[in-house]
């Protein structure tokens, strides 16, 4: 697993880099704020119901503060995903530092 800062992630988005997004928060959190292209799979369901994502394409995993997503990254690696990135600080730090138009909670 690699770490991806909010600034680096913003550069990926702006450069239209090919990657997949996995949100491991709960549905109520996802309903407050999310990255539109993300696949929601709450962390508790990830091992038993993994998302149908390309194992060869980079996957950015995020949560609220970047803690649950570390576990999500480890699970994705155990499932055979090759390029897994944790969004450091989660969607909260991203909203505070890279896109302050996003809601926070």
N, C-alpha and C. Protein backbone atom coordinates (compact mmCIF):
# COMPACT_ATOMS: atom_id res chain seq x y z
N UNK A 1 0.84 -1.17 0.00
CA UNK A 1 0.00 0.00 0.00
C UNK A 1 0.89 1.24 0.00
N UNK A 2 0.46 2.20 -0.79
CA UNK A 2 1.16 3.47 -0.85
C UNK A 2 0.24 4.56 -0.30
N UNK A 3 0.84 5.65 0.16
CA UNK A 3 0.07 6.80 0.64
C UNK A 3 -0.03 7.83 -0.48
N UNK A 4 -1.18 8.48 -0.56
CA UNK A 4 -1.43 9.52 -1.55
C UNK A 4 -1.95 10.73 -0.80
N UNK A 5 -1.25 11.84 -0.87
CA UNK A 5 -1.69 13.05 -0.18
C UNK A 5 -2.88 13.66 -0.91
N UNK A 6 -3.65 14.51 -0.23
CA UNK A 6 -4.75 15.19 -0.92
C UNK A 6 -4.28 15.97 -2.15
N UNK A 7 -3.12 16.63 -2.05
CA UNK A 7 -2.60 17.38 -3.20
C UNK A 7 -2.25 16.47 -4.36
N UNK A 8 -1.63 15.34 -4.07
CA UNK A 8 -1.30 14.38 -5.13
C UNK A 8 -2.57 13.82 -5.75
N UNK A 9 -3.56 13.51 -4.91
CA UNK A 9 -4.82 12.99 -5.43
C UNK A 9 -5.49 14.01 -6.34
N UNK A 10 -5.48 15.27 -5.93
CA UNK A 10 -6.07 16.33 -6.76
C UNK A 10 -5.36 16.40 -8.12
N UNK A 11 -4.05 16.23 -8.12
CA UNK A 11 -3.30 16.22 -9.39
C UNK A 11 -3.73 15.04 -10.26
N UNK A 12 -3.93 13.89 -9.65
CA UNK A 12 -4.41 12.74 -10.40
C UNK A 12 -5.74 13.05 -11.07
N UNK A 13 -6.66 13.63 -10.30
CA UNK A 13 -7.99 13.96 -10.82
C UNK A 13 -7.87 14.96 -11.96
N UNK A 14 -7.12 16.03 -11.74
CA UNK A 14 -7.00 17.08 -12.74
C UNK A 14 -6.29 16.61 -14.00
N UNK A 15 -5.36 15.67 -13.88
CA UNK A 15 -4.64 15.16 -15.05
C UNK A 15 -5.39 14.02 -15.73
N UNK A 16 -6.54 13.66 -15.15
CA UNK A 16 -7.37 12.56 -15.67
C UNK A 16 -6.62 11.22 -15.71
N UNK A 17 -5.78 11.03 -14.69
CA UNK A 17 -5.07 9.75 -14.54
C UNK A 17 -6.09 8.63 -14.39
N UNK A 18 -5.80 7.49 -14.97
CA UNK A 18 -6.71 6.34 -14.87
C UNK A 18 -6.55 5.67 -13.52
N UNK A 19 -7.61 5.67 -12.73
CA UNK A 19 -7.62 5.00 -11.43
C UNK A 19 -9.06 4.72 -11.04
N UNK A 20 -9.21 3.90 -10.01
CA UNK A 20 -10.51 3.56 -9.45
C UNK A 20 -10.57 4.08 -8.03
N UNK A 21 -11.76 4.42 -7.58
CA UNK A 21 -11.94 4.96 -6.23
C UNK A 21 -12.82 4.03 -5.42
N UNK A 22 -12.38 3.72 -4.22
CA UNK A 22 -13.15 2.87 -3.32
C UNK A 22 -13.38 3.60 -2.00
N UNK A 23 -14.63 3.81 -1.66
CA UNK A 23 -15.05 4.47 -0.42
C UNK A 23 -15.43 3.38 0.57
N UNK A 24 -14.74 3.32 1.73
CA UNK A 24 -15.01 2.27 2.71
C UNK A 24 -15.79 2.80 3.92
N UNK A 25 -16.42 3.97 3.77
CA UNK A 25 -17.23 4.53 4.85
C UNK A 25 -18.62 3.90 4.85
N UNK A 26 -19.44 4.32 5.79
CA UNK A 26 -20.82 3.85 5.86
C UNK A 26 -21.70 4.67 4.91
N UNK A 27 -22.86 4.12 4.57
CA UNK A 27 -23.77 4.78 3.63
C UNK A 27 -24.13 6.19 4.07
N UNK A 28 -24.39 6.42 5.37
CA UNK A 28 -24.81 7.74 5.82
C UNK A 28 -23.68 8.77 5.60
N UNK A 29 -22.43 8.33 5.69
CA UNK A 29 -21.31 9.23 5.44
C UNK A 29 -21.21 9.54 3.94
N UNK A 30 -21.38 8.52 3.15
CA UNK A 30 -21.35 8.64 1.69
C UNK A 30 -22.43 9.61 1.22
N UNK A 31 -23.59 9.57 1.88
CA UNK A 31 -24.70 10.45 1.51
C UNK A 31 -24.40 11.92 1.82
N UNK A 32 -23.50 12.20 2.76
CA UNK A 32 -23.14 13.57 3.11
C UNK A 32 -22.18 14.16 2.09
N UNK A 33 -21.13 13.42 1.78
CA UNK A 33 -20.11 13.90 0.85
C UNK A 33 -19.39 12.69 0.26
N UNK A 34 -19.05 12.79 -1.03
CA UNK A 34 -18.37 11.68 -1.70
C UNK A 34 -17.72 12.20 -2.98
N UNK A 35 -16.81 11.40 -3.48
CA UNK A 35 -16.28 11.61 -4.82
C UNK A 35 -17.24 10.86 -5.74
N UNK A 36 -17.76 11.54 -6.74
CA UNK A 36 -18.83 10.99 -7.57
C UNK A 36 -18.49 9.65 -8.22
N UNK A 37 -17.25 9.45 -8.61
CA UNK A 37 -16.89 8.22 -9.31
C UNK A 37 -16.56 7.05 -8.38
N UNK A 38 -16.74 7.25 -7.08
CA UNK A 38 -16.36 6.22 -6.11
C UNK A 38 -17.37 5.07 -6.04
N UNK A 39 -16.84 3.91 -5.75
CA UNK A 39 -17.64 2.73 -5.44
C UNK A 39 -17.72 2.64 -3.92
N UNK A 40 -18.91 2.55 -3.38
CA UNK A 40 -19.09 2.43 -1.94
C UNK A 40 -19.10 0.96 -1.53
N UNK A 41 -18.23 0.64 -0.57
CA UNK A 41 -18.22 -0.70 0.01
C UNK A 41 -17.77 -0.51 1.45
N UNK A 42 -18.73 -0.40 2.40
CA UNK A 42 -18.33 -0.23 3.80
C UNK A 42 -17.32 -1.29 4.23
N UNK A 43 -16.38 -0.87 5.04
CA UNK A 43 -15.26 -1.72 5.42
C UNK A 43 -15.69 -3.09 5.93
N UNK A 44 -16.74 -3.15 6.74
CA UNK A 44 -17.21 -4.42 7.28
C UNK A 44 -17.67 -5.41 6.22
N UNK A 45 -18.07 -4.91 5.05
CA UNK A 45 -18.55 -5.78 3.97
C UNK A 45 -17.48 -6.07 2.93
N UNK A 46 -16.37 -5.36 2.99
CA UNK A 46 -15.35 -5.48 1.96
C UNK A 46 -14.81 -6.90 1.79
N UNK A 47 -14.48 -7.62 2.87
CA UNK A 47 -13.94 -8.97 2.67
C UNK A 47 -14.96 -9.97 2.12
N UNK A 48 -16.23 -9.79 2.48
CA UNK A 48 -17.24 -10.77 2.05
C UNK A 48 -17.94 -10.36 0.76
N UNK A 49 -17.85 -9.09 0.38
CA UNK A 49 -18.49 -8.60 -0.84
C UNK A 49 -17.58 -7.58 -1.51
N UNK A 50 -16.43 -8.04 -2.04
CA UNK A 50 -15.49 -7.10 -2.64
C UNK A 50 -16.08 -6.46 -3.90
N UNK A 51 -15.67 -5.25 -4.20
CA UNK A 51 -16.18 -4.58 -5.40
C UNK A 51 -15.60 -5.22 -6.66
N UNK A 52 -16.32 -5.08 -7.74
CA UNK A 52 -15.85 -5.59 -9.02
C UNK A 52 -15.00 -4.50 -9.68
N UNK A 53 -13.73 -4.48 -9.32
CA UNK A 53 -12.79 -3.51 -9.85
C UNK A 53 -11.66 -4.24 -10.56
N UNK A 54 -10.98 -3.55 -11.45
CA UNK A 54 -9.86 -4.10 -12.21
C UNK A 54 -8.64 -4.23 -11.29
N UNK A 55 -8.14 -5.43 -11.12
CA UNK A 55 -7.02 -5.68 -10.21
C UNK A 55 -5.70 -5.08 -10.70
N UNK A 56 -5.62 -4.76 -11.98
CA UNK A 56 -4.39 -4.21 -12.54
C UNK A 56 -4.38 -2.68 -12.55
N UNK A 57 -5.51 -2.06 -12.39
CA UNK A 57 -5.62 -0.60 -12.44
C UNK A 57 -5.48 -0.04 -11.02
N UNK A 58 -4.79 1.10 -10.84
CA UNK A 58 -4.65 1.66 -9.49
C UNK A 58 -6.00 1.88 -8.80
N UNK A 59 -6.01 1.62 -7.49
CA UNK A 59 -7.20 1.82 -6.67
C UNK A 59 -6.84 2.78 -5.54
N UNK A 60 -7.59 3.87 -5.42
CA UNK A 60 -7.44 4.80 -4.31
C UNK A 60 -8.56 4.50 -3.32
N UNK A 61 -8.19 4.16 -2.11
CA UNK A 61 -9.15 3.83 -1.06
C UNK A 61 -9.22 5.01 -0.10
N UNK A 62 -10.45 5.40 0.27
CA UNK A 62 -10.59 6.51 1.20
C UNK A 62 -11.72 6.28 2.19
N UNK A 63 -11.62 7.02 3.30
CA UNK A 63 -12.65 7.03 4.33
C UNK A 63 -12.75 8.45 4.84
N UNK A 64 -13.20 8.64 6.07
CA UNK A 64 -13.35 9.98 6.61
C UNK A 64 -12.00 10.62 6.95
N UNK A 65 -11.18 9.94 7.74
CA UNK A 65 -9.90 10.50 8.17
C UNK A 65 -8.67 9.71 7.71
N UNK A 66 -8.85 8.65 6.96
CA UNK A 66 -7.72 7.89 6.45
C UNK A 66 -7.28 6.73 7.33
N UNK A 67 -8.09 6.34 8.30
CA UNK A 67 -7.73 5.23 9.18
C UNK A 67 -8.39 3.93 8.70
N UNK A 68 -9.70 3.95 8.53
CA UNK A 68 -10.39 2.75 8.01
C UNK A 68 -9.86 2.36 6.64
N UNK A 69 -9.49 3.38 5.86
CA UNK A 69 -9.01 3.09 4.51
C UNK A 69 -7.68 2.32 4.52
N UNK A 70 -6.89 2.46 5.57
CA UNK A 70 -5.66 1.65 5.67
C UNK A 70 -6.06 0.17 5.73
N UNK A 71 -7.05 -0.16 6.55
CA UNK A 71 -7.54 -1.54 6.61
C UNK A 71 -8.11 -1.96 5.27
N UNK A 72 -8.83 -1.05 4.63
CA UNK A 72 -9.39 -1.34 3.30
C UNK A 72 -8.30 -1.64 2.29
N UNK A 73 -7.22 -0.89 2.34
CA UNK A 73 -6.09 -1.12 1.43
C UNK A 73 -5.50 -2.52 1.65
N UNK A 74 -5.31 -2.89 2.91
CA UNK A 74 -4.75 -4.20 3.23
C UNK A 74 -5.65 -5.32 2.71
N UNK A 75 -6.95 -5.15 2.87
CA UNK A 75 -7.90 -6.15 2.37
C UNK A 75 -7.81 -6.24 0.85
N UNK A 76 -7.76 -5.09 0.18
CA UNK A 76 -7.67 -5.09 -1.29
C UNK A 76 -6.40 -5.78 -1.76
N UNK A 77 -5.30 -5.56 -1.06
CA UNK A 77 -4.05 -6.24 -1.42
C UNK A 77 -4.18 -7.74 -1.22
N UNK A 78 -4.84 -8.17 -0.14
CA UNK A 78 -5.06 -9.60 0.09
C UNK A 78 -5.94 -10.20 -0.99
N UNK A 79 -6.80 -9.38 -1.59
CA UNK A 79 -7.68 -9.85 -2.66
C UNK A 79 -6.98 -9.86 -4.02
N UNK A 80 -5.72 -9.45 -4.04
CA UNK A 80 -4.94 -9.53 -5.28
C UNK A 80 -4.79 -8.23 -6.05
N UNK A 81 -5.19 -7.12 -5.48
CA UNK A 81 -5.03 -5.85 -6.17
C UNK A 81 -3.57 -5.42 -6.07
N UNK A 82 -3.02 -4.93 -7.19
CA UNK A 82 -1.58 -4.67 -7.29
C UNK A 82 -1.18 -3.26 -6.85
N UNK A 83 -1.94 -2.26 -7.24
CA UNK A 83 -1.58 -0.86 -7.00
C UNK A 83 -2.65 -0.19 -6.14
N UNK A 84 -2.45 -0.26 -4.83
CA UNK A 84 -3.44 0.25 -3.88
C UNK A 84 -2.86 1.45 -3.16
N UNK A 85 -3.64 2.53 -3.12
CA UNK A 85 -3.22 3.78 -2.49
C UNK A 85 -4.22 4.19 -1.43
N UNK A 86 -3.71 4.62 -0.30
CA UNK A 86 -4.54 5.17 0.77
C UNK A 86 -4.55 6.69 0.63
N UNK A 87 -5.74 7.30 0.62
CA UNK A 87 -5.84 8.75 0.60
C UNK A 87 -5.57 9.25 2.01
N UNK A 88 -4.37 9.76 2.24
CA UNK A 88 -3.96 10.23 3.57
C UNK A 88 -4.89 11.33 4.07
N UNK A 89 -5.37 11.16 5.30
CA UNK A 89 -6.27 12.15 5.89
C UNK A 89 -7.70 12.04 5.44
N UNK A 90 -7.97 11.14 4.51
CA UNK A 90 -9.32 10.88 4.06
C UNK A 90 -9.97 12.04 3.33
N UNK A 91 -11.27 11.88 3.13
CA UNK A 91 -12.03 12.90 2.41
C UNK A 91 -12.11 14.20 3.22
N UNK A 92 -11.98 14.10 4.54
CA UNK A 92 -12.03 15.29 5.38
C UNK A 92 -10.83 16.20 5.11
N UNK A 93 -9.63 15.65 5.12
CA UNK A 93 -8.44 16.46 4.86
C UNK A 93 -8.45 16.96 3.41
N UNK A 94 -8.93 16.14 2.50
CA UNK A 94 -9.03 16.58 1.10
C UNK A 94 -9.94 17.81 1.00
N UNK A 95 -11.09 17.76 1.66
CA UNK A 95 -12.03 18.88 1.62
C UNK A 95 -11.42 20.14 2.25
N UNK A 96 -10.64 19.97 3.29
CA UNK A 96 -10.05 21.11 3.98
C UNK A 96 -8.88 21.72 3.21
N UNK A 97 -8.13 20.91 2.48
CA UNK A 97 -6.91 21.41 1.86
C UNK A 97 -6.94 21.51 0.34
N UNK A 98 -7.74 20.69 -0.31
CA UNK A 98 -7.71 20.65 -1.78
C UNK A 98 -9.00 21.13 -2.44
N UNK A 99 -10.12 21.04 -1.73
CA UNK A 99 -11.40 21.46 -2.31
C UNK A 99 -12.34 21.88 -1.19
N UNK A 100 -12.23 23.14 -0.77
CA UNK A 100 -13.05 23.59 0.37
C UNK A 100 -14.50 23.84 0.01
N UNK A 101 -14.90 23.52 -1.22
CA UNK A 101 -16.32 23.58 -1.57
C UNK A 101 -17.06 22.31 -1.14
N UNK A 102 -16.31 21.29 -0.76
CA UNK A 102 -16.93 20.03 -0.33
C UNK A 102 -17.41 20.16 1.11
N UNK A 103 -18.57 19.57 1.42
CA UNK A 103 -19.05 19.58 2.81
C UNK A 103 -18.13 18.74 3.70
N UNK A 104 -18.08 19.09 4.97
CA UNK A 104 -17.36 18.28 5.96
C UNK A 104 -18.33 17.90 7.07
N UNK A 105 -17.97 16.90 7.83
CA UNK A 105 -18.80 16.45 8.95
C UNK A 105 -17.94 15.97 10.07
